[in-house]
Amino acid sequence: MELYEELLRLKKEGRASAMATIVQCSGSSPQKEGSKMLVRDDGTVVGTLGGGCIEAEVVQAARMVMKDERPMTMPFELTEKQGGLVCGGKVLVYVEPIIPDPVLIILGAGHVGKALAKAARFSGFRVTVCDDRPEHANRENIPDAHEIAVHEFADIFERVIIPGHTYIVVATRGHNHDLDAVKASLRTDARYIGLLGSRRKKALLFKALGEAGFSQEDIDRVHIPVGLPINSVTPEEIAVSIMAQVIQKRRENAASGISSSACSRLGEEDGTAKTAPSAR
């Protein structure tokens, strides 16, 4: 129960974790089928799979599946010394990411912001809409938002919490507000920052960001014009193009890997339980 209570606590805090379970074993092994270990997003664990290189590699894999949001199966051949003992068994471990709902923060409660909130909620995102105008940032105008914040864009993230799985779209009513909102966004660790605007606005904004002291690496985080190029015109069409790009960025599988195994294991990233032929 301790593992599941901790899992729920992490999820409520908006933190990712991964559950590793021994689903099959044969011969001598440090733990048996059904043994579980919860890996937090900082690499700390609750529970055990028996220690040794199994746990070390599972923790490494768990951090990867949290990042990629894809489960993995890991067959181990315990042919080397584990904590001073030669086990000689075979173990199959299933590592499943537990990811909180992704968060979309929309800076701007105009027509596009309103349509985007609806599209994002439909797509499974937790939606926060922020604006400095209470007559726009309210439940009646934005019924699809989970949270609504009324605050100045320049320091909005002193008020709004940014989990690690956050995406930001800036759709304010003017260039000065855009600049304040983008500056504030670049000071966060958001996975994605998009700005509604033209290529001309892009040149002006990037020049202003450079003059404000932001590096080229910072500036390159901003996607402008935001959205996939589908010739969108209406606020609803623009919202669809934005969400398509946000989902595309979310699902991109970052190039990640695991160092060569000391336990002779291979990982399958498609989540299908691939049974090791000898683990019977």
C-alpha atoms as a PDB file:
ATOM      1  CA  MET A   1       0.000   0.000   0.000  1.00  0.00           C
ATOM      2  CA  GLU A   2       2.928   2.327   0.661  1.00  0.00           C
ATOM      3  CA  LEU A   3       3.831   2.288  -3.035  1.00  0.00           C
ATOM      4  CA  TYR A   4       0.325   3.170  -4.180  1.00  0.00           C
ATOM      5  CA  GLU A   5      -0.101   5.866  -1.556  1.00  0.00           C
ATOM      6  CA  GLU A   6       3.159   7.445  -2.709  1.00  0.00           C
ATOM      7  CA  LEU A   7       2.106   7.121  -6.349  1.00  0.00           C
ATOM      8  CA  LEU A   8      -1.122   9.008  -5.629  1.00  0.00           C
ATOM      9  CA  ARG A   9       0.743  11.670  -3.664  1.00  0.00           C
ATOM     10  CA  LEU A  10       3.153  12.270  -6.534  1.00  0.00           C
ATOM     11  CA  LYS A  11       0.346  12.453  -9.065  1.00  0.00           C
ATOM     12  CA  LYS A  12      -1.549  15.003  -6.962  1.00  0.00           C
ATOM     13  CA  GLU A  13       1.613  17.095  -6.880  1.00  0.00           C
ATOM     14  CA  GLY A  14       1.867  16.885 -10.679  1.00  0.00           C
ATOM     15  CA  ARG A  15       5.005  14.741 -10.542  1.00  0.00           C
ATOM     16  CA  ALA A  16       5.814  11.789 -12.788  1.00  0.00           C
ATOM     17  CA  SER A  17       6.838   8.347 -11.554  1.00  0.00           C
ATOM     18  CA  ALA A  18       7.254   4.837 -12.901  1.00  0.00           C
ATOM     19  CA  MET A  19       6.158   1.470 -11.522  1.00  0.00           C
ATOM     20  CA  ALA A  20       8.531  -1.441 -12.132  1.00  0.00           C
ATOM     21  CA  THR A  21       7.082  -4.942 -11.697  1.00  0.00           C
ATOM     22  CA  ILE A  22       8.701  -8.353 -11.995  1.00  0.00           C
ATOM     23  CA  VAL A  23       6.260 -10.113 -14.308  1.00  0.00           C
ATOM     24  CA  GLN A  24       8.185 -13.329 -14.879  1.00  0.00           C
ATOM     25  CA  CYS A  25      11.162 -15.107 -13.333  1.00  0.00           C
ATOM     26  CA  SER A  26      12.834 -18.499 -13.334  1.00  0.00           C
ATOM     27  CA  GLY A  27      15.662 -20.081 -11.427  1.00  0.00           C
ATOM     28  CA  SER A  28      17.283 -18.213  -8.573  1.00  0.00           C
ATOM     29  CA  SER A  29      16.369 -14.516  -8.370  1.00  0.00           C
ATOM     30  CA  PRO A  30      16.522 -11.894  -5.610  1.00  0.00           C
ATOM     31  CA  GLN A  31      12.761 -11.257  -5.753  1.00  0.00           C
ATOM     32  CA  LYS A  32       9.759 -13.151  -7.127  1.00  0.00           C
ATOM     33  CA  GLU A  33       6.957 -12.414  -9.582  1.00  0.00           C
ATOM     34  CA  GLY A  34       4.767  -9.516  -8.555  1.00  0.00           C
ATOM     35  CA  SER A  35       7.516  -7.646  -6.679  1.00  0.00           C
ATOM     36  CA  LYS A  36       7.222  -3.911  -7.326  1.00  0.00           C
ATOM     37  CA  MET A  37       9.360  -0.804  -7.055  1.00  0.00           C
ATOM     38  CA  LEU A  38       8.152   2.766  -7.543  1.00  0.00           C
ATOM     39  CA  VAL A  39      10.692   5.167  -9.031  1.00  0.00           C
ATOM     40  CA  ARG A  40      10.132   8.873  -8.426  1.00  0.00           C
ATOM     41  CA  ASP A  41      11.043  11.570 -10.957  1.00  0.00           C
ATOM     42  CA  ASP A  42      14.196  12.369  -8.960  1.00  0.00           C
ATOM     43  CA  GLY A  43      15.418   8.749  -9.135  1.00  0.00           C
ATOM     44  CA  THR A  44      14.596   7.814  -5.543  1.00  0.00           C
ATOM     45  CA  VAL A  45      12.603   4.638  -4.968  1.00  0.00           C
ATOM     46  CA  VAL A  46      10.002   2.973  -2.780  1.00  0.00           C
ATOM     47  CA  GLY A  47      10.075  -0.822  -2.610  1.00  0.00           C
ATOM     48  CA  THR A  48      12.697  -3.141  -4.071  1.00  0.00           C
ATOM     49  CA  LEU A  49      13.367  -5.572  -6.898  1.00  0.00           C
ATOM     50  CA  GLY A  50      16.249  -7.140  -4.990  1.00  0.00           C
ATOM     51  CA  GLY A  51      19.010  -4.563  -5.313  1.00  0.00           C
ATOM     52  CA  GLY A  52      22.141  -4.965  -7.394  1.00  0.00           C
ATOM     53  CA  CYS A  53      22.441  -4.032 -11.040  1.00  0.00           C
ATOM     54  CA  ILE A  54      18.781  -4.892 -11.708  1.00  0.00           C
ATOM     55  CA  GLU A  55      17.599  -1.980  -9.598  1.00  0.00           C
ATOM     56  CA  ALA A  56      20.283   0.358 -10.931  1.00  0.00           C
ATOM     57  CA  GLU A  57      19.301  -0.325 -14.529  1.00  0.00           C
ATOM     58  CA  VAL A  58      15.569  -0.259 -13.805  1.00  0.00           C
ATOM     59  CA  VAL A  59      15.929   3.179 -12.189  1.00  0.00           C
ATOM     60  CA  GLN A  60      17.785   4.401 -15.274  1.00  0.00           C
ATOM     61  CA  ALA A  61      15.113   2.925 -17.553  1.00  0.00           C
ATOM     62  CA  ALA A  62      12.331   4.361 -15.377  1.00  0.00           C
ATOM     63  CA  ARG A  63      13.667   7.873 -15.810  1.00  0.00           C
ATOM     64  CA  MET A  64      13.764   7.297 -19.562  1.00  0.00           C
ATOM     65  CA  VAL A  65      10.184   6.007 -19.770  1.00  0.00           C
ATOM     66  CA  MET A  66       8.994   8.979 -17.704  1.00  0.00           C
ATOM     67  CA  LYS A  67      10.622  11.258 -20.254  1.00  0.00           C
ATOM     68  CA  ASP A  68       9.413   9.357 -23.317  1.00  0.00           C
ATOM     69  CA  GLU A  69       6.038   8.428 -21.770  1.00  0.00           C
ATOM     70  CA  ARG A  70       6.343   4.881 -23.116  1.00  0.00           C
ATOM     71  CA  PRO A  71       6.481   1.625 -21.111  1.00  0.00           C
ATOM     72  CA  MET A  72       9.353  -0.820 -21.460  1.00  0.00           C
ATOM     73  CA  THR A  73       9.977  -4.504 -20.797  1.00  0.00           C
ATOM     74  CA  MET A  74      13.428  -5.535 -19.572  1.00  0.00           C
ATOM     75  CA  PRO A  75      14.627  -9.160 -19.582  1.00  0.00           C
ATOM     76  CA  PHE A  76      17.621  -9.860 -17.305  1.00  0.00           C
ATOM     77  CA  GLU A  77      19.961 -12.828 -17.239  1.00  0.00           C
ATOM     78  CA  LEU A  78      21.445 -12.965 -13.757  1.00  0.00           C
ATOM     79  CA  THR A  79      24.729 -14.529 -14.724  1.00  0.00           C
ATOM     80  CA  GLU A  80      26.959 -12.102 -12.846  1.00  0.00           C
ATOM     81  CA  LYS A  81      27.417 -11.467  -9.152  1.00  0.00           C
ATOM     82  CA  GLN A  82      24.509  -9.653  -7.512  1.00  0.00           C
ATOM     83  CA  GLY A  83      25.497  -8.288  -4.106  1.00  0.00           C
ATOM     84  CA  GLY A  84      28.073 -11.039  -3.648  1.00  0.00           C
ATOM     85  CA  LEU A  85      25.829 -13.882  -4.855  1.00  0.00           C
ATOM     86  CA  VAL A  86      25.636 -15.577  -8.251  1.00  0.00           C
ATOM     87  CA  CYS A  87      21.877 -15.858  -8.838  1.00  0.00           C
ATOM     88  CA  GLY A  88      21.820 -17.684 -12.155  1.00  0.00           C
ATOM     89  CA  GLY A  89      18.155 -16.889 -12.724  1.00  0.00           C
ATOM     90  CA  LYS A  90      16.204 -14.986 -15.341  1.00  0.00           C
ATOM     91  CA  VAL A  91      13.844 -12.082 -14.685  1.00  0.00           C
ATOM     92  CA  LEU A  92      11.467 -10.019 -16.825  1.00  0.00           C
ATOM     93  CA  VAL A  93      10.638  -6.524 -15.538  1.00  0.00           C
ATOM     94  CA  TYR A  94       7.844  -4.306 -16.855  1.00  0.00           C
ATOM     95  CA  VAL A  95       8.420  -0.567 -16.341  1.00  0.00           C
ATOM     96  CA  GLU A  96       5.333   1.605 -16.734  1.00  0.00           C
ATOM     97  CA  PRO A  97       5.357   5.422 -16.598  1.00  0.00           C
ATOM     98  CA  ILE A  98       2.708   7.153 -14.497  1.00  0.00           C
ATOM     99  CA  ILE A  99       2.415  10.604 -16.028  1.00  0.00           C
ATOM    100  CA  PRO A 100       0.155  13.386 -14.736  1.00  0.00           C
ATOM    101  CA  ASP A 101      -2.102  15.035 -17.284  1.00  0.00           C
ATOM    102  CA  PRO A 102      -0.071  17.437 -19.439  1.00  0.00           C
ATOM    103  CA  VAL A 103      -0.677  21.097 -18.668  1.00  0.00           C
ATOM    104  CA  LEU A 104      -1.375  23.813 -21.231  1.00  0.00           C
ATOM    105  CA  ILE A 105      -1.106  27.392 -20.017  1.00  0.00           C
ATOM    106  CA  ILE A 106      -2.721  29.914 -22.354  1.00  0.00           C
ATOM    107  CA  LEU A 107      -1.596  33.511 -21.894  1.00  0.00           C
ATOM    108  CA  GLY A 108      -4.463  35.496 -23.366  1.00  0.00           C
ATOM    109  CA  ALA A 109      -8.217  35.039 -22.997  1.00  0.00           C
ATOM    110  CA  GLY A 110      -9.320  36.381 -26.355  1.00  0.00           C
ATOM    111  CA  HIS A 111     -11.060  34.506 -29.169  1.00  0.00           C
ATOM    112  CA  VAL A 112      -8.115  32.188 -29.879  1.00  0.00           C
ATOM    113  CA  GLY A 113      -7.468  31.582 -26.181  1.00  0.00           C
ATOM    114  CA  LYS A 114     -11.083  30.613 -25.655  1.00  0.00           C
ATOM    115  CA  ALA A 115     -11.119  28.203 -28.628  1.00  0.00           C
ATOM    116  CA  LEU A 116      -7.742  26.782 -27.620  1.00  0.00           C
ATOM    117  CA  ALA A 117      -8.928  26.060 -24.073  1.00  0.00           C
ATOM    118  CA  LYS A 118     -11.759  23.961 -25.498  1.00  0.00           C
ATOM    119  CA  ALA A 119      -9.503  22.069 -27.923  1.00  0.00           C
ATOM    120  CA  ALA A 120      -6.885  21.438 -25.235  1.00  0.00           C
ATOM    121  CA  ARG A 121      -9.346  20.103 -22.685  1.00  0.00           C
ATOM    122  CA  PHE A 122     -10.826  17.794 -25.331  1.00  0.00           C
ATOM    123  CA  SER A 123      -7.260  16.578 -26.037  1.00  0.00           C
ATOM    124  CA  GLY A 124      -6.721  15.563 -22.416  1.00  0.00           C
ATOM    125  CA  PHE A 125      -4.725  18.553 -21.181  1.00  0.00           C
ATOM    126  CA  ARG A 126      -5.210  20.365 -17.905  1.00  0.00           C
ATOM    127  CA  VAL A 127      -5.875  23.940 -18.980  1.00  0.00           C
ATOM    128  CA  THR A 128      -4.993  27.211 -17.269  1.00  0.00           C
ATOM    129  CA  VAL A 129      -5.962  30.500 -18.930  1.00  0.00           C
ATOM    130  CA  CYS A 130      -4.336  33.757 -17.810  1.00  0.00           C
ATOM    131  CA  ASP A 131      -5.137  37.358 -18.705  1.00  0.00           C
ATOM    132  CA  ASP A 132      -4.851  40.766 -17.076  1.00  0.00           C
ATOM    133  CA  ARG A 133      -8.487  41.588 -17.905  1.00  0.00           C
ATOM    134  CA  PRO A 134     -11.046  40.149 -15.483  1.00  0.00           C
ATOM    135  CA  GLU A 135     -13.837  40.804 -17.979  1.00  0.00           C
ATOM    136  CA  HIS A 136     -12.187  38.217 -20.261  1.00  0.00           C
ATOM    137  CA  ALA A 137     -10.526  35.869 -17.778  1.00  0.00           C
ATOM    138  CA  ASN A 138     -13.620  34.480 -16.106  1.00  0.00           C
ATOM    139  CA  ARG A 139     -15.565  31.235 -15.969  1.00  0.00           C
ATOM    140  CA  GLU A 140     -18.413  32.546 -18.132  1.00  0.00           C
ATOM    141  CA  ASN A 141     -16.076  33.486 -20.986  1.00  0.00           C
ATOM    142  CA  ILE A 142     -13.703  30.493 -20.653  1.00  0.00           C
ATOM    143  CA  PRO A 143     -15.865  27.590 -19.424  1.00  0.00           C
ATOM    144  CA  ASP A 144     -13.389  24.909 -20.533  1.00  0.00           C
ATOM    145  CA  ALA A 145     -10.442  26.049 -18.406  1.00  0.00           C
ATOM    146  CA  HIS A 146      -9.622  24.108 -15.255  1.00  0.00           C
ATOM    147  CA  GLU A 147      -8.013  27.195 -13.715  1.00  0.00           C
ATOM    148  CA  ILE A 148      -8.250  30.889 -14.553  1.00  0.00           C
ATOM    149  CA  ALA A 149      -5.784  33.536 -13.341  1.00  0.00           C
ATOM    150  CA  VAL A 150      -6.117  37.312 -13.571  1.00  0.00           C
ATOM    151  CA  HIS A 151      -2.669  38.862 -13.366  1.00  0.00           C
ATOM    152  CA  GLU A 152      -0.103  40.932 -15.279  1.00  0.00           C
ATOM    153  CA  PHE A 153       1.754  38.865 -17.870  1.00  0.00           C
ATOM    154  CA  ALA A 154       5.210  40.083 -16.838  1.00  0.00           C
ATOM    155  CA  ASP A 155       5.146  38.188 -13.534  1.00  0.00           C
ATOM    156  CA  ILE A 156       2.331  35.724 -14.152  1.00  0.00           C
ATOM    157  CA  PHE A 157       4.456  32.737 -13.109  1.00  0.00           C
ATOM    158  CA  GLU A 158       4.837  34.102  -9.626  1.00  0.00           C
ATOM    159  CA  ARG A 159       1.133  33.276  -9.388  1.00  0.00           C
ATOM    160  CA  VAL A 160       0.823  30.203 -11.621  1.00  0.00           C
ATOM    161  CA  ILE A 161       2.752  26.991 -10.841  1.00  0.00           C
ATOM    162  CA  ILE A 162       4.691  25.364 -13.696  1.00  0.00           C
ATOM    163  CA  PRO A 163       4.948  21.537 -13.520  1.00  0.00           C
ATOM    164  CA  GLY A 164       7.628  19.856 -15.616  1.00  0.00           C
ATOM    165  CA  HIS A 165       5.111  18.657 -18.221  1.00  0.00           C
ATOM    166  CA  THR A 166       3.844  22.149 -19.100  1.00  0.00           C
ATOM    167  CA  TYR A 167       3.234  23.697 -22.513  1.00  0.00           C
ATOM    168  CA  ILE A 168       2.679  27.440 -22.941  1.00  0.00           C
ATOM    169  CA  VAL A 169       0.903  29.305 -25.740  1.00  0.00           C
ATOM    170  CA  VAL A 170       1.045  33.096 -25.850  1.00  0.00           C
ATOM    171  CA  ALA A 171      -1.967  34.705 -27.523  1.00  0.00           C
ATOM    172  CA  THR A 172      -2.281  38.161 -25.976  1.00  0.00           C
ATOM    173  CA  ARG A 173      -3.852  41.246 -27.518  1.00  0.00           C
ATOM    174  CA  GLY A 174      -0.702  43.170 -28.461  1.00  0.00           C
ATOM    175  CA  HIS A 175       3.045  43.194 -29.044  1.00  0.00           C
ATOM    176  CA  ASN A 176       4.011  44.630 -25.653  1.00  0.00           C
ATOM    177  CA  HIS A 177       1.935  42.041 -23.833  1.00  0.00           C
ATOM    178  CA  ASP A 178       3.384  39.317 -26.068  1.00  0.00           C
ATOM    179  CA  LEU A 179       6.897  40.407 -25.151  1.00  0.00           C
ATOM    180  CA  ASP A 180       6.149  40.403 -21.417  1.00  0.00           C
ATOM    181  CA  ALA A 181       4.464  36.996 -21.679  1.00  0.00           C
ATOM    182  CA  VAL A 182       7.286  35.413 -23.686  1.00  0.00           C
ATOM    183  CA  LYS A 183       9.935  36.791 -21.324  1.00  0.00           C
ATOM    184  CA  ALA A 184       8.055  35.303 -18.372  1.00  0.00           C
ATOM    185  CA  SER A 185       7.648  31.987 -20.206  1.00  0.00           C
ATOM    186  CA  LEU A 186      11.351  31.746 -21.048  1.00  0.00           C
ATOM    187  CA  ARG A 187      12.172  31.946 -17.351  1.00  0.00           C
ATOM    188  CA  THR A 188      10.325  28.656 -16.816  1.00  0.00           C
ATOM    189  CA  ASP A 189      11.243  25.077 -17.710  1.00  0.00           C
ATOM    190  CA  ALA A 190       8.186  24.639 -19.939  1.00  0.00           C
ATOM    191  CA  ARG A 191       8.568  21.920 -22.560  1.00  0.00           C
ATOM    192  CA  TYR A 192       7.079  24.117 -25.276  1.00  0.00           C
ATOM    193  CA  ILE A 193       6.497  27.847 -25.808  1.00  0.00           C
ATOM    194  CA  GLY A 194       4.410  28.971 -28.766  1.00  0.00           C
ATOM    195  CA  LEU A 195       3.485  32.504 -29.828  1.00  0.00           C
ATOM    196  CA  LEU A 196       0.589  33.499 -32.022  1.00  0.00           C
ATOM    197  CA  GLY A 197       1.933  35.914 -34.610  1.00  0.00           C
ATOM    198  CA  SER A 198       3.380  36.610 -38.043  1.00  0.00           C
ATOM    199  CA  ARG A 199       6.935  36.206 -39.342  1.00  0.00           C
ATOM    200  CA  ARG A 200       7.303  39.996 -39.109  1.00  0.00           C
ATOM    201  CA  LYS A 201       6.333  39.829 -35.430  1.00  0.00           C
ATOM    202  CA  LYS A 202       8.903  37.048 -35.036  1.00  0.00           C
ATOM    203  CA  ALA A 203      11.732  39.290 -36.222  1.00  0.00           C
ATOM    204  CA  LEU A 204      10.681  42.160 -33.955  1.00  0.00           C
ATOM    205  CA  LEU A 205      10.180  39.896 -30.952  1.00  0.00           C
ATOM    206  CA  PHE A 206      13.458  38.045 -31.338  1.00  0.00           C
ATOM    207  CA  LYS A 207      15.317  41.353 -31.659  1.00  0.00           C
ATOM    208  CA  ALA A 208      13.671  42.603 -28.458  1.00  0.00           C
ATOM    209  CA  LEU A 209      14.479  39.363 -26.632  1.00  0.00           C
ATOM    210  CA  GLY A 210      18.124  39.604 -27.669  1.00  0.00           C
ATOM    211  CA  GLU A 211      18.289  43.201 -26.456  1.00  0.00           C
ATOM    212  CA  ALA A 212      16.745  42.066 -23.165  1.00  0.00           C
ATOM    213  CA  GLY A 213      19.668  39.677 -22.627  1.00  0.00           C
ATOM    214  CA  PHE A 214      18.153  36.342 -23.656  1.00  0.00           C
ATOM    215  CA  SER A 215      20.563  33.949 -25.362  1.00  0.00           C
ATOM    216  CA  GLN A 216      19.989  32.478 -28.812  1.00  0.00           C
ATOM    217  CA  GLU A 217      19.348  29.138 -27.135  1.00  0.00           C
ATOM    218  CA  ASP A 218      16.577  30.759 -25.097  1.00  0.00           C
ATOM    219  CA  ILE A 219      15.102  32.491 -28.130  1.00  0.00           C
ATOM    220  CA  ASP A 220      15.093  29.271 -30.150  1.00  0.00           C
ATOM    221  CA  ARG A 221      12.641  27.775 -27.620  1.00  0.00           C
ATOM    222  CA  VAL A 222       9.883  30.037 -28.975  1.00  0.00           C
ATOM    223  CA  HIS A 223       7.753  28.604 -31.784  1.00  0.00           C
ATOM    224  CA  ILE A 224       6.418  31.433 -33.959  1.00  0.00           C
ATOM    225  CA  PRO A 225       4.166  31.356 -35.881  1.00  0.00           C
ATOM    226  CA  VAL A 226       2.625  28.833 -33.514  1.00  0.00           C
ATOM    227  CA  GLY A 227       0.759  25.817 -34.898  1.00  0.00           C
ATOM    228  CA  LEU A 228       1.104  23.496 -37.863  1.00  0.00           C
ATOM    229  CA  PRO A 229       0.688  25.143 -41.306  1.00  0.00           C
ATOM    230  CA  ILE A 230      -2.853  24.072 -42.251  1.00  0.00           C
ATOM    231  CA  ASN A 231      -4.006  27.450 -43.659  1.00  0.00           C
ATOM    232  CA  SER A 232      -6.125  28.044 -40.570  1.00  0.00           C
ATOM    233  CA  VAL A 233      -8.203  31.225 -40.472  1.00  0.00           C
ATOM    234  CA  THR A 234     -10.898  31.107 -37.768  1.00  0.00           C
ATOM    235  CA  PRO A 235     -10.075  30.963 -34.040  1.00  0.00           C
ATOM    236  CA  GLU A 236     -11.287  27.354 -33.968  1.00  0.00           C
ATOM    237  CA  GLU A 237      -9.074  26.365 -36.904  1.00  0.00           C
ATOM    238  CA  ILE A 238      -6.101  28.155 -35.348  1.00  0.00           C
ATOM    239  CA  ALA A 239      -6.756  26.291 -32.097  1.00  0.00           C
ATOM    240  CA  VAL A 240      -6.715  22.961 -33.964  1.00  0.00           C
ATOM    241  CA  SER A 241      -3.398  23.832 -35.651  1.00  0.00           C
ATOM    242  CA  ILE A 242      -1.865  24.827 -32.301  1.00  0.00           C
ATOM    243  CA  MET A 243      -3.011  21.686 -30.516  1.00  0.00           C
ATOM    244  CA  ALA A 244      -1.729  19.555 -33.393  1.00  0.00           C
ATOM    245  CA  GLN A 245       1.729  21.048 -32.920  1.00  0.00           C
ATOM    246  CA  VAL A 246       1.600  20.762 -29.124  1.00  0.00           C
ATOM    247  CA  ILE A 247       0.621  17.091 -29.389  1.00  0.00           C
ATOM    248  CA  GLN A 248       3.337  16.533 -31.985  1.00  0.00           C
ATOM    249  CA  LYS A 249       5.953  17.998 -29.646  1.00  0.00           C
ATOM    250  CA  ARG A 250       4.624  15.985 -26.735  1.00  0.00           C
ATOM    251  CA  ARG A 251       4.831  12.715 -28.647  1.00  0.00           C
ATOM    252  CA  GLU A 252       8.252  13.252 -30.121  1.00  0.00           C
ATOM    253  CA  ASN A 253      10.437  10.463 -28.819  1.00  0.00           C
ATOM    254  CA  ALA A 254      13.599  12.106 -27.572  1.00  0.00           C
ATOM    255  CA  ALA A 255      16.763  10.288 -28.521  1.00  0.00           C
ATOM    256  CA  SER A 256      17.568   8.543 -25.299  1.00  0.00           C
ATOM    257  CA  GLY A 257      19.224   5.329 -24.363  1.00  0.00           C
ATOM    258  CA  ILE A 258      20.663   3.160 -21.661  1.00  0.00           C
ATOM    259  CA  SER A 259      24.293   2.239 -21.270  1.00  0.00           C
ATOM    260  CA  SER A 260      25.385  -1.311 -22.008  1.00  0.00           C
ATOM    261  CA  SER A 261      23.940  -3.725 -19.511  1.00  0.00           C
ATOM    262  CA  ALA A 262      25.916  -5.451 -16.820  1.00  0.00           C
ATOM    263  CA  CYS A 263      23.001  -7.884 -16.458  1.00  0.00           C
ATOM    264  CA  SER A 264      22.687  -8.828 -20.154  1.00  0.00           C
ATOM    265  CA  ARG A 265      19.253  -7.335 -20.634  1.00  0.00           C
ATOM    266  CA  LEU A 266      17.482  -5.794 -23.603  1.00  0.00           C
ATOM    267  CA  GLY A 267      14.642  -3.322 -23.313  1.00  0.00           C
ATOM    268  CA  GLU A 268      11.557  -3.210 -25.493  1.00  0.00           C
ATOM    269  CA  GLU A 269      10.067   0.298 -25.705  1.00  0.00           C
ATOM    270  CA  ASP A 270       6.719  -0.505 -27.304  1.00  0.00           C
ATOM    271  CA  GLY A 271       5.189  -1.636 -24.031  1.00  0.00           C
ATOM    272  CA  THR A 272       4.377  -5.109 -25.306  1.00  0.00           C
ATOM    273  CA  ALA A 273       5.363  -7.767 -22.807  1.00  0.00           C
ATOM    274  CA  LYS A 274       8.125  -9.605 -24.684  1.00  0.00           C
ATOM    275  CA  THR A 275       8.843 -12.795 -22.839  1.00  0.00           C
ATOM    276  CA  ALA A 276      12.443 -13.859 -22.632  1.00  0.00           C
ATOM    277  CA  PRO A 277      12.558 -17.316 -24.236  1.00  0.00           C
ATOM    278  CA  SER A 278      14.518 -18.756 -21.326  1.00  0.00           C
ATOM    279  CA  ALA A 279      12.327 -17.182 -18.617  1.00  0.00           C
ATOM    280  CA  ARG A 280       9.899 -20.093 -18.406  1.00  0.00           C
END
